[in-house]
Amino acid sequence: MASLVRLIRKTYRMVDPLEGKRVMHNVASLSWLQAITYVLPLIILPYLFRIIGPERFGLVAFAQAFVQYFIILTDYGFSVSATKEISLCHEDNARVSRVFSAVMTVKIALALLSFLVLSGIVYFVPKFRDDWMVYVLSFGAVAGGAIFPVWFFQGVERMRYIARLNIVGEFAFVFCILLFVRGPEDYLKVPLVGSSVLLITGLAAQYILWSKFGMSFRWPEYKDIRRQLKAGWDVFISVVAINAYTTTRVFAVGLLTNNTLTGFYSVAERISGAIQTFPLSSFSQAIFPRLSKIFHKNKAKAFEIMRHIQLITIVISLICLPVFFLLAPLIVKLVCGGTYPAAVLSLRFLLVSVFFISSNAFRVQFLLVCGRTDIYSKIHVSMAMIGLPLIIIFIYAFSYAGAAIATAAIEAGVFTITYFTVKKLKF
């Protein structure tokens, strides 16, 4: 533990005091957000699982996994490309407005396209048509995500707005679920409440942009739209590839098994997702725009900072993850209300994948910082081509636990390839 503290202090001294202070302030804001946005759902998770039952819980989880594809489409990689551009030009109001207008135009157009595609699938495919309402109600998450400019707040390093809006949203979600969801017949209210909250917070975020940052929408020129599409393309392809072996896990389990088993697997995914995301995601989001600026000035320094941060993350993972691994049976029992060996096995394999993800997070991010989106894309596209068939084969062989086993193998592969790729980069 003493070694970890010394390593953190050494890393902190590598950055300018003002830079370090800004990053830590943003980490604190996002950590509060991550703590609440993951703790509250984990608290409400056992309630929902018991009230609406594993079958309907699995159906809602399947619908959420389905609309996640449209969320990926509407994001289009702007969470990286637009964030990076805003971070480098945030003092030029005219340029920022052009970026804002172009990105929002593309995101809204993609959201409309997504709704048309979803409507077609729900109408023509029997599996979706039978429960069409749950998919339509879940689509609000796509619209809400499209209008919430997370990329802008990250770019100008004002993460407190993201934190405040999402914290209020999470409390509102939990309150409404406890108030309105009282039995199995209320399962449609779960996506309805979630979509409503995301739409309201998205509109509130737009109001903040216009009132506090003086943003004004101007119909963008074609060249600005084209430039944003080109900038986000590699990241978009990478995100699609990543989700071919992440989001697709729940979706594939839903297609190849049934709603009840999907519910059990979804529980394991949500628990491991919370462990993976908090506090890693908040620090990753906070460091990205600042590390981009440092790299712009001093490439070698940025590389060393990344290397130290990644080492800190590995040490923390080695301390924390074994505890969750041992407590997996207790965690599953608390959430599901019983002993489910396959759910425990799934959670443990997903925790193994969390270790590889945490031990690789800042290396992967550094490929984006240094502008090597082509390498970033190739790594994840290659692993998607291997991972997606692997997931399907393992689900057939081991039911829903197979998805978790395949995930651990895939993330180990991503870690290995990224490690040697970044090691070869010279600065």
Protein backbone atom coordinates (compact mmCIF):
# COMPACT_ATOMS: atom_id res chain seq x y z
CA MET A 1 0.00 0.00 0.00
CA ALA A 2 2.87 2.36 0.81
CA SER A 3 4.35 1.66 -2.62
CA LEU A 4 1.03 2.55 -4.23
CA VAL A 5 0.92 5.88 -2.37
CA ARG A 6 4.48 6.70 -3.47
CA LEU A 7 3.61 5.83 -7.06
CA ILE A 8 0.56 8.12 -6.98
CA ARG A 9 2.61 10.99 -5.53
CA LYS A 10 5.33 10.52 -8.14
CA THR A 11 2.77 10.58 -10.95
CA TYR A 12 1.08 13.68 -9.54
CA ARG A 13 4.42 15.53 -9.44
CA MET A 14 4.89 14.85 -13.16
CA VAL A 15 2.10 17.26 -14.11
CA ASP A 16 1.76 21.00 -13.65
CA PRO A 17 0.07 21.81 -10.28
CA LEU A 18 -2.79 23.66 -11.99
CA GLU A 19 -3.28 20.79 -14.44
CA GLY A 20 -3.26 18.27 -11.61
CA LYS A 21 -5.74 20.32 -9.62
CA ARG A 22 -8.15 20.58 -12.57
CA VAL A 23 -7.91 16.85 -13.28
CA MET A 24 -8.50 15.89 -9.65
CA HIS A 25 -11.46 18.28 -9.43
CA ASN A 26 -12.98 16.63 -12.49
CA VAL A 27 -12.21 13.17 -11.13
CA ALA A 28 -13.99 14.09 -7.89
CA SER A 29 -17.04 15.36 -9.79
CA LEU A 30 -17.23 12.28 -12.00
CA SER A 31 -16.50 9.91 -9.12
CA TRP A 32 -19.52 11.22 -7.26
CA LEU A 33 -21.51 10.69 -10.42
CA GLN A 34 -20.17 7.17 -10.96
CA ALA A 35 -20.70 6.25 -7.32
CA ILE A 36 -24.32 7.34 -7.40
CA THR A 37 -25.14 6.16 -10.93
CA TYR A 38 -23.84 2.68 -10.13
CA VAL A 39 -24.66 2.32 -6.44
CA LEU A 40 -28.28 3.42 -6.86
CA PRO A 41 -29.00 0.98 -9.72
CA LEU A 42 -27.34 -1.80 -7.73
CA ILE A 43 -29.63 -0.94 -4.81
CA ILE A 44 -32.71 -0.93 -7.05
CA LEU A 45 -31.57 -4.06 -8.94
CA PRO A 46 -32.70 -6.60 -6.30
CA TYR A 47 -36.02 -4.76 -6.01
CA LEU A 48 -36.70 -4.90 -9.75
CA PHE A 49 -35.52 -8.51 -10.04
CA ARG A 50 -37.93 -9.61 -7.35
CA ILE A 51 -40.89 -7.35 -8.25
CA ILE A 52 -41.13 -7.93 -12.00
CA GLY A 53 -39.47 -11.37 -11.93
CA PRO A 54 -36.43 -12.74 -13.80
CA GLU A 55 -38.36 -13.29 -17.08
CA ARG A 56 -39.60 -9.72 -17.46
CA PHE A 57 -36.34 -8.37 -16.05
CA GLY A 58 -34.56 -10.32 -18.79
CA LEU A 59 -36.91 -8.88 -21.44
CA VAL A 60 -36.20 -5.32 -20.29
CA ALA A 61 -32.45 -6.05 -20.24
CA PHE A 62 -32.69 -7.51 -23.76
CA ALA A 63 -34.49 -4.39 -25.00
CA GLN A 64 -31.86 -2.17 -23.39
CA ALA A 65 -29.10 -4.16 -25.09
CA PHE A 66 -30.95 -3.83 -28.40
CA VAL A 67 -31.30 -0.03 -28.25
CA GLN A 68 -27.67 0.21 -27.18
CA TYR A 69 -26.75 -0.38 -30.83
CA PHE A 70 -28.63 2.79 -31.76
CA ILE A 71 -26.93 4.70 -28.95
CA ILE A 72 -23.60 3.66 -30.46
CA LEU A 73 -24.76 4.84 -33.88
CA THR A 74 -25.86 8.26 -32.63
CA ASP A 75 -22.65 8.73 -30.64
CA TYR A 76 -20.64 7.91 -33.76
CA GLY A 77 -17.30 8.28 -31.97
CA PHE A 78 -17.93 11.95 -31.10
CA SER A 79 -17.31 11.12 -27.43
CA VAL A 80 -13.64 10.92 -28.45
CA SER A 81 -13.19 12.97 -31.64
CA ALA A 82 -15.39 15.93 -30.66
CA THR A 83 -14.10 15.89 -27.06
CA LYS A 84 -10.52 16.09 -28.31
CA GLU A 85 -11.28 18.92 -30.76
CA ILE A 86 -13.20 20.94 -28.16
CA SER A 87 -10.34 20.51 -25.66
CA LEU A 88 -7.88 22.01 -28.15
CA CYS A 89 -10.04 24.92 -29.36
CA HIS A 90 -12.32 25.76 -26.41
CA GLU A 91 -11.02 29.35 -26.27
CA ASP A 92 -12.11 29.98 -29.87
CA ASN A 93 -15.88 30.51 -29.50
CA ALA A 94 -16.55 30.64 -33.22
CA ARG A 95 -14.84 27.31 -33.85
CA VAL A 96 -16.51 25.70 -30.84
CA SER A 97 -19.92 26.80 -32.14
CA ARG A 98 -19.17 25.28 -35.54
CA VAL A 99 -18.16 21.98 -33.91
CA PHE A 100 -21.25 22.02 -31.69
CA SER A 101 -23.64 22.73 -34.58
CA ALA A 102 -22.13 20.09 -36.86
CA VAL A 103 -22.01 17.37 -34.20
CA MET A 104 -25.56 17.99 -32.96
CA THR A 105 -26.90 17.99 -36.53
CA VAL A 106 -25.33 14.62 -37.23
CA LYS A 107 -26.45 13.12 -33.91
CA ILE A 108 -30.09 14.19 -34.37
CA ALA A 109 -30.12 12.92 -37.97
CA LEU A 110 -28.71 9.57 -36.80
CA ALA A 111 -31.32 9.41 -34.01
CA LEU A 112 -34.12 9.85 -36.53
CA LEU A 113 -32.60 7.19 -38.77
CA SER A 114 -32.32 4.89 -35.76
CA PHE A 115 -36.00 5.25 -34.96
CA LEU A 116 -36.95 4.34 -38.52
CA VAL A 117 -34.74 1.24 -38.40
CA LEU A 118 -36.08 0.20 -34.99
CA SER A 119 -39.67 0.64 -36.22
CA GLY A 120 -38.96 -1.58 -39.22
CA ILE A 121 -37.40 -4.33 -37.11
CA VAL A 122 -40.19 -4.24 -34.53
CA TYR A 123 -42.84 -4.42 -37.25
CA PHE A 124 -41.36 -7.16 -39.41
CA VAL A 125 -39.58 -9.48 -36.89
CA PRO A 126 -41.99 -11.59 -34.77
CA LYS A 127 -39.68 -11.85 -31.73
CA PHE A 128 -39.65 -8.06 -31.47
CA ARG A 129 -43.26 -7.49 -32.62
CA ASP A 130 -44.67 -9.59 -29.78
CA ASP A 131 -43.24 -7.16 -27.20
CA TRP A 132 -43.10 -4.04 -29.39
CA MET A 133 -43.98 -1.61 -26.62
CA VAL A 134 -40.91 -2.38 -24.49
CA TYR A 135 -38.62 -1.58 -27.44
CA VAL A 136 -40.40 1.66 -28.33
CA LEU A 137 -40.34 2.85 -24.72
CA SER A 138 -36.66 1.93 -24.41
CA PHE A 139 -35.81 4.08 -27.45
CA GLY A 140 -36.08 7.24 -25.34
CA ALA A 141 -32.59 6.42 -24.10
CA VAL A 142 -31.30 6.90 -27.65
CA ALA A 143 -32.93 10.32 -28.02
CA GLY A 144 -31.81 11.41 -24.55
CA GLY A 145 -28.23 10.32 -25.20
CA ALA A 146 -28.18 12.10 -28.55
CA ILE A 147 -29.05 15.51 -27.09
CA PHE A 148 -26.90 15.21 -23.94
CA PRO A 149 -23.56 16.82 -24.96
CA VAL A 150 -21.23 14.84 -22.69
CA TRP A 151 -18.49 15.36 -25.29
CA PHE A 152 -18.76 19.15 -24.93
CA PHE A 153 -18.53 19.19 -21.12
CA GLN A 154 -15.57 16.79 -21.24
CA GLY A 155 -13.84 18.93 -23.86
CA VAL A 156 -14.11 22.14 -21.82
CA GLU A 157 -13.33 20.14 -18.64
CA ARG A 158 -16.53 21.07 -16.85
CA MET A 159 -17.52 17.60 -15.74
CA ARG A 160 -19.46 18.90 -12.76
CA TYR A 161 -22.41 19.61 -15.05
CA ILE A 162 -22.43 15.98 -16.20
CA ALA A 163 -22.25 14.86 -12.58
CA ARG A 164 -25.02 17.13 -11.28
CA LEU A 165 -27.50 16.35 -14.04
CA ASN A 166 -26.94 12.61 -13.91
CA ILE A 167 -27.07 12.47 -10.13
CA VAL A 168 -30.44 14.23 -10.13
CA GLY A 169 -31.55 11.90 -12.91
CA GLU A 170 -30.52 8.77 -11.01
CA PHE A 171 -32.37 9.83 -7.87
CA ALA A 172 -35.43 10.63 -9.97
CA PHE A 173 -35.21 7.20 -11.64
CA VAL A 174 -35.00 5.32 -8.34
CA PHE A 175 -37.83 7.40 -6.80
CA CYS A 176 -40.14 6.80 -9.76
CA ILE A 177 -39.34 3.06 -9.91
CA LEU A 178 -40.16 2.65 -6.21
CA LEU A 179 -43.32 4.74 -6.65
CA PHE A 180 -44.76 3.25 -9.84
CA VAL A 181 -43.36 -0.29 -10.22
CA ARG A 182 -45.29 -2.42 -7.77
CA GLY A 183 -45.82 -5.74 -9.57
CA PRO A 184 -44.94 -7.86 -12.64
CA GLU A 185 -47.57 -6.03 -14.71
CA ASP A 186 -45.65 -2.75 -14.24
CA TYR A 187 -42.56 -3.91 -16.15
CA LEU A 188 -43.22 -1.47 -19.04
CA LYS A 189 -42.87 1.41 -16.60
CA VAL A 190 -39.16 0.55 -16.17
CA PRO A 191 -38.11 1.60 -19.72
CA LEU A 192 -40.67 4.42 -19.66
CA VAL A 193 -39.17 5.94 -16.52
CA GLY A 194 -35.60 5.43 -17.73
CA SER A 195 -36.28 7.06 -21.10
CA SER A 196 -38.16 9.98 -19.55
CA VAL A 197 -35.32 10.74 -17.14
CA LEU A 198 -32.70 10.65 -19.91
CA LEU A 199 -34.75 12.94 -22.15
CA ILE A 200 -35.26 15.49 -19.37
CA THR A 201 -31.57 15.52 -18.36
CA GLY A 202 -30.59 15.85 -22.02
CA LEU A 203 -32.82 18.91 -22.44
CA ALA A 204 -31.45 20.38 -19.20
CA ALA A 205 -27.89 19.90 -20.49
CA GLN A 206 -28.78 21.76 -23.69
CA TYR A 207 -30.18 24.62 -21.61
CA ILE A 208 -26.90 24.87 -19.68
CA LEU A 209 -24.96 25.00 -22.95
CA TRP A 210 -27.05 27.86 -24.27
CA SER A 211 -27.32 29.84 -21.01
CA LYS A 212 -23.89 29.37 -19.39
CA PHE A 213 -21.59 28.73 -22.36
CA GLY A 214 -23.30 30.98 -24.88
CA MET A 215 -23.68 28.26 -27.48
CA SER A 216 -25.78 29.13 -30.48
CA PHE A 217 -26.88 26.71 -33.16
CA ARG A 218 -26.19 27.66 -36.76
CA TRP A 219 -27.03 25.38 -39.65
CA PRO A 220 -23.62 23.83 -40.37
CA GLU A 221 -21.90 23.88 -43.71
CA TYR A 222 -21.46 20.59 -45.53
CA LYS A 223 -17.67 20.73 -45.08
CA ASP A 224 -18.06 20.95 -41.27
CA ILE A 225 -20.39 17.95 -41.19
CA ARG A 226 -18.07 15.99 -43.44
CA ARG A 227 -15.05 16.85 -41.28
CA GLN A 228 -16.79 15.67 -38.10
CA LEU A 229 -17.92 12.44 -39.76
CA LYS A 230 -14.38 11.80 -40.98
CA ALA A 231 -12.85 12.59 -37.56
CA GLY A 232 -15.18 10.21 -35.74
CA TRP A 233 -15.13 7.37 -38.29
CA ASP A 234 -12.24 5.27 -36.96
CA VAL A 235 -13.48 5.59 -33.39
CA PHE A 236 -17.03 4.72 -34.51
CA ILE A 237 -15.84 1.56 -36.25
CA SER A 238 -13.83 0.68 -33.13
CA VAL A 239 -16.82 1.23 -30.84
CA VAL A 240 -19.00 -0.91 -33.12
CA ALA A 241 -16.33 -3.60 -32.99
CA ILE A 242 -16.00 -3.35 -29.20
CA ASN A 243 -19.75 -3.66 -28.78
CA ALA A 244 -19.72 -6.71 -31.04
CA TYR A 245 -18.26 -8.52 -28.03
CA THR A 246 -19.65 -6.38 -25.16
CA THR A 247 -23.25 -5.24 -25.66
CA THR A 248 -23.81 -8.23 -27.94
CA ARG A 249 -23.28 -10.59 -25.00
CA VAL A 250 -26.65 -9.77 -23.42
CA PHE A 251 -28.27 -9.56 -26.84
CA ALA A 252 -26.86 -12.95 -27.88
CA VAL A 253 -27.92 -14.59 -24.62
CA GLY A 254 -31.42 -13.22 -25.21
CA LEU A 255 -31.53 -14.58 -28.74
CA LEU A 256 -30.03 -18.00 -27.98
CA THR A 257 -31.60 -18.79 -24.59
CA ASN A 258 -34.68 -17.21 -23.00
CA ASN A 259 -35.71 -14.11 -21.05
CA THR A 260 -35.23 -15.77 -17.65
CA LEU A 261 -31.61 -16.80 -18.32
CA THR A 262 -31.00 -13.38 -19.88
CA GLY A 263 -32.15 -11.85 -16.59
CA PHE A 264 -29.62 -13.86 -14.58
CA TYR A 265 -26.78 -13.07 -16.96
CA SER A 266 -27.74 -9.39 -17.05
CA VAL A 267 -27.43 -9.24 -13.26
CA ALA A 268 -23.86 -10.59 -13.44
CA GLU A 269 -23.00 -8.07 -16.17
CA ARG A 270 -24.41 -5.13 -14.24
CA ILE A 271 -22.49 -6.02 -11.09
CA SER A 272 -19.20 -6.48 -12.95
CA GLY A 273 -19.92 -3.33 -14.95
CA ALA A 274 -20.27 -1.30 -11.79
CA ILE A 275 -16.98 -2.68 -10.44
CA GLN A 276 -15.26 -2.02 -13.76
CA THR A 277 -16.57 1.51 -14.22
CA PHE A 278 -16.17 2.96 -10.72
CA PRO A 279 -13.87 4.79 -10.34
CA LEU A 280 -11.91 3.88 -13.50
CA SER A 281 -14.33 5.53 -15.93
CA SER A 282 -14.40 8.86 -14.08
CA PHE A 283 -10.60 9.09 -14.04
CA SER A 284 -10.36 8.05 -17.68
CA GLN A 285 -12.86 10.71 -18.77
CA ALA A 286 -11.14 13.38 -16.69
CA ILE A 287 -7.61 12.58 -17.88
CA PHE A 288 -8.36 12.31 -21.61
CA PRO A 289 -8.70 16.03 -22.53
CA ARG A 290 -5.81 17.02 -20.23
CA LEU A 291 -3.51 14.28 -21.52
CA SER A 292 -4.37 15.36 -25.08
CA LYS A 293 -3.15 18.87 -24.28
CA ILE A 294 0.05 17.57 -22.64
CA PHE A 295 0.73 15.34 -25.65
CA HIS A 296 0.27 18.33 -27.95
CA LYS A 297 3.13 20.07 -26.09
CA ASN A 298 5.36 17.18 -24.96
CA LYS A 299 4.81 13.68 -26.38
CA ALA A 300 7.36 11.91 -24.17
CA LYS A 301 5.94 13.44 -20.99
CA ALA A 302 2.40 12.38 -21.92
CA PHE A 303 3.60 8.83 -22.54
CA GLU A 304 5.31 8.63 -19.13
CA ILE A 305 2.24 9.99 -17.35
CA MET A 306 0.08 7.39 -19.08
CA ARG A 307 2.50 4.61 -18.13
CA HIS A 308 2.45 5.60 -14.46
CA ILE A 309 -1.33 5.95 -14.35
CA GLN A 310 -1.74 2.52 -15.93
CA LEU A 311 0.60 0.97 -13.35
CA ILE A 312 -1.46 2.53 -10.53
CA THR A 313 -4.62 1.04 -12.03
CA ILE A 314 -3.06 -2.44 -12.20
CA VAL A 315 -2.00 -2.31 -8.56
CA ILE A 316 -5.46 -1.18 -7.41
CA SER A 317 -7.09 -3.97 -9.46
CA LEU A 318 -4.82 -6.59 -7.88
CA ILE A 319 -5.90 -5.37 -4.45
CA CYS A 320 -9.66 -5.01 -5.01
CA LEU A 321 -10.77 -7.60 -7.55
CA PRO A 322 -9.83 -10.73 -5.52
CA VAL A 323 -12.18 -9.50 -2.77
CA PHE A 324 -15.12 -9.29 -5.18
CA PHE A 325 -14.14 -12.67 -6.66
CA LEU A 326 -14.41 -14.33 -3.24
CA LEU A 327 -17.65 -12.52 -2.40
CA ALA A 328 -19.34 -13.41 -5.71
CA PRO A 329 -21.75 -16.04 -4.20
CA LEU A 330 -22.87 -13.59 -1.52
CA ILE A 331 -23.35 -10.75 -4.03
CA VAL A 332 -25.47 -12.93 -6.34
CA LYS A 333 -27.55 -14.16 -3.40
CA LEU A 334 -28.22 -10.61 -2.20
CA VAL A 335 -29.33 -9.48 -5.66
CA CYS A 336 -31.18 -12.55 -6.94
CA GLY A 337 -32.50 -13.87 -3.65
CA GLY A 338 -31.02 -17.34 -4.12
CA THR A 339 -27.95 -19.39 -4.96
CA TYR A 340 -27.42 -19.59 -8.71
CA PRO A 341 -24.06 -21.28 -9.49
CA ALA A 342 -24.08 -20.29 -13.18
CA ALA A 343 -24.64 -16.64 -12.23
CA VAL A 344 -21.74 -16.83 -9.75
CA LEU A 345 -19.51 -18.44 -12.39
CA SER A 346 -20.51 -15.74 -14.89
CA LEU A 347 -19.70 -12.98 -12.44
CA ARG A 348 -16.29 -14.47 -11.62
CA PHE A 349 -15.29 -14.79 -15.26
CA LEU A 350 -16.52 -11.24 -15.90
CA LEU A 351 -14.33 -10.07 -13.00
CA VAL A 352 -11.35 -11.67 -14.74
CA SER A 353 -12.22 -9.64 -17.82
CA VAL A 354 -12.48 -6.52 -15.62
CA PHE A 355 -8.86 -7.06 -14.58
CA PHE A 356 -7.68 -7.11 -18.20
CA ILE A 357 -9.81 -4.06 -19.06
CA SER A 358 -8.52 -2.06 -16.07
CA SER A 359 -4.93 -3.09 -16.80
CA ASN A 360 -5.29 -1.88 -20.37
CA ALA A 361 -7.61 1.15 -20.15
CA PHE A 362 -5.04 3.94 -20.37
CA ARG A 363 -2.90 2.18 -22.94
CA VAL A 364 -5.94 1.94 -25.20
CA GLN A 365 -6.84 5.56 -24.49
CA PHE A 366 -3.32 6.69 -25.32
CA LEU A 367 -3.75 5.42 -28.89
CA LEU A 368 -6.54 8.00 -29.17
CA VAL A 369 -4.52 10.71 -27.43
CA CYS A 370 -1.65 10.33 -29.88
CA GLY A 371 -3.98 10.24 -32.88
CA ARG A 372 -3.46 6.56 -33.76
CA THR A 373 -7.16 5.87 -34.23
CA ASP A 374 -6.22 3.59 -37.12
CA ILE A 375 -4.36 1.21 -34.78
CA TYR A 376 -7.13 1.52 -32.19
CA SER A 377 -9.66 0.55 -34.84
CA LYS A 378 -7.65 -2.39 -36.22
CA ILE A 379 -7.17 -3.93 -32.76
CA HIS A 380 -10.85 -3.92 -31.91
CA VAL A 381 -12.11 -4.88 -35.35
CA SER A 382 -9.75 -7.87 -35.33
CA MET A 383 -10.89 -8.94 -31.88
CA ALA A 384 -14.55 -8.49 -32.86
CA MET A 385 -14.08 -10.89 -35.79
CA ILE A 386 -12.75 -13.47 -33.34
CA GLY A 387 -14.88 -12.55 -30.34
CA LEU A 388 -18.37 -12.56 -31.80
CA PRO A 389 -18.21 -16.16 -33.09
CA LEU A 390 -16.53 -17.18 -29.83
CA ILE A 391 -19.40 -15.75 -27.77
CA ILE A 392 -22.02 -17.54 -29.86
CA ILE A 393 -20.14 -20.87 -29.72
CA PHE A 394 -19.63 -20.63 -25.95
CA ILE A 395 -23.29 -19.74 -25.31
CA TYR A 396 -24.33 -22.81 -27.28
CA ALA A 397 -21.87 -24.92 -25.28
CA PHE A 398 -22.25 -23.49 -21.74
CA SER A 399 -25.52 -21.49 -21.84
CA TYR A 400 -25.32 -17.93 -20.48
CA ALA A 401 -22.13 -18.60 -18.49
CA GLY A 402 -20.42 -19.16 -21.86
CA ALA A 403 -20.77 -15.46 -22.67
CA ALA A 404 -18.73 -14.58 -19.58
CA ILE A 405 -16.06 -17.19 -20.30
CA ALA A 406 -15.69 -15.88 -23.86
CA THR A 407 -15.46 -12.31 -22.55
CA ALA A 408 -12.51 -13.12 -20.30
CA ALA A 409 -10.67 -14.75 -23.23
CA ILE A 410 -11.41 -11.80 -25.56
CA GLU A 411 -10.28 -9.12 -23.11
CA ALA A 412 -7.07 -11.08 -22.46
CA GLY A 413 -6.46 -10.98 -26.22
CA VAL A 414 -7.11 -7.22 -26.44
CA PHE A 415 -4.75 -6.65 -23.51
CA THR A 416 -1.95 -8.67 -25.11
CA ILE A 417 -2.20 -7.02 -28.53
CA THR A 418 -2.47 -3.50 -27.11
CA TYR A 419 0.44 -4.01 -24.71
CA PHE A 420 2.89 -4.94 -27.46
CA THR A 421 1.48 -2.35 -29.88
CA VAL A 422 1.90 0.58 -27.50
CA LYS A 423 5.31 -0.70 -26.43
CA LYS A 424 6.53 -0.26 -30.02
CA LEU A 425 5.43 3.38 -30.21
CA LYS A 426 8.34 5.84 -29.98
CA PHE A 427 8.10 9.38 -28.63
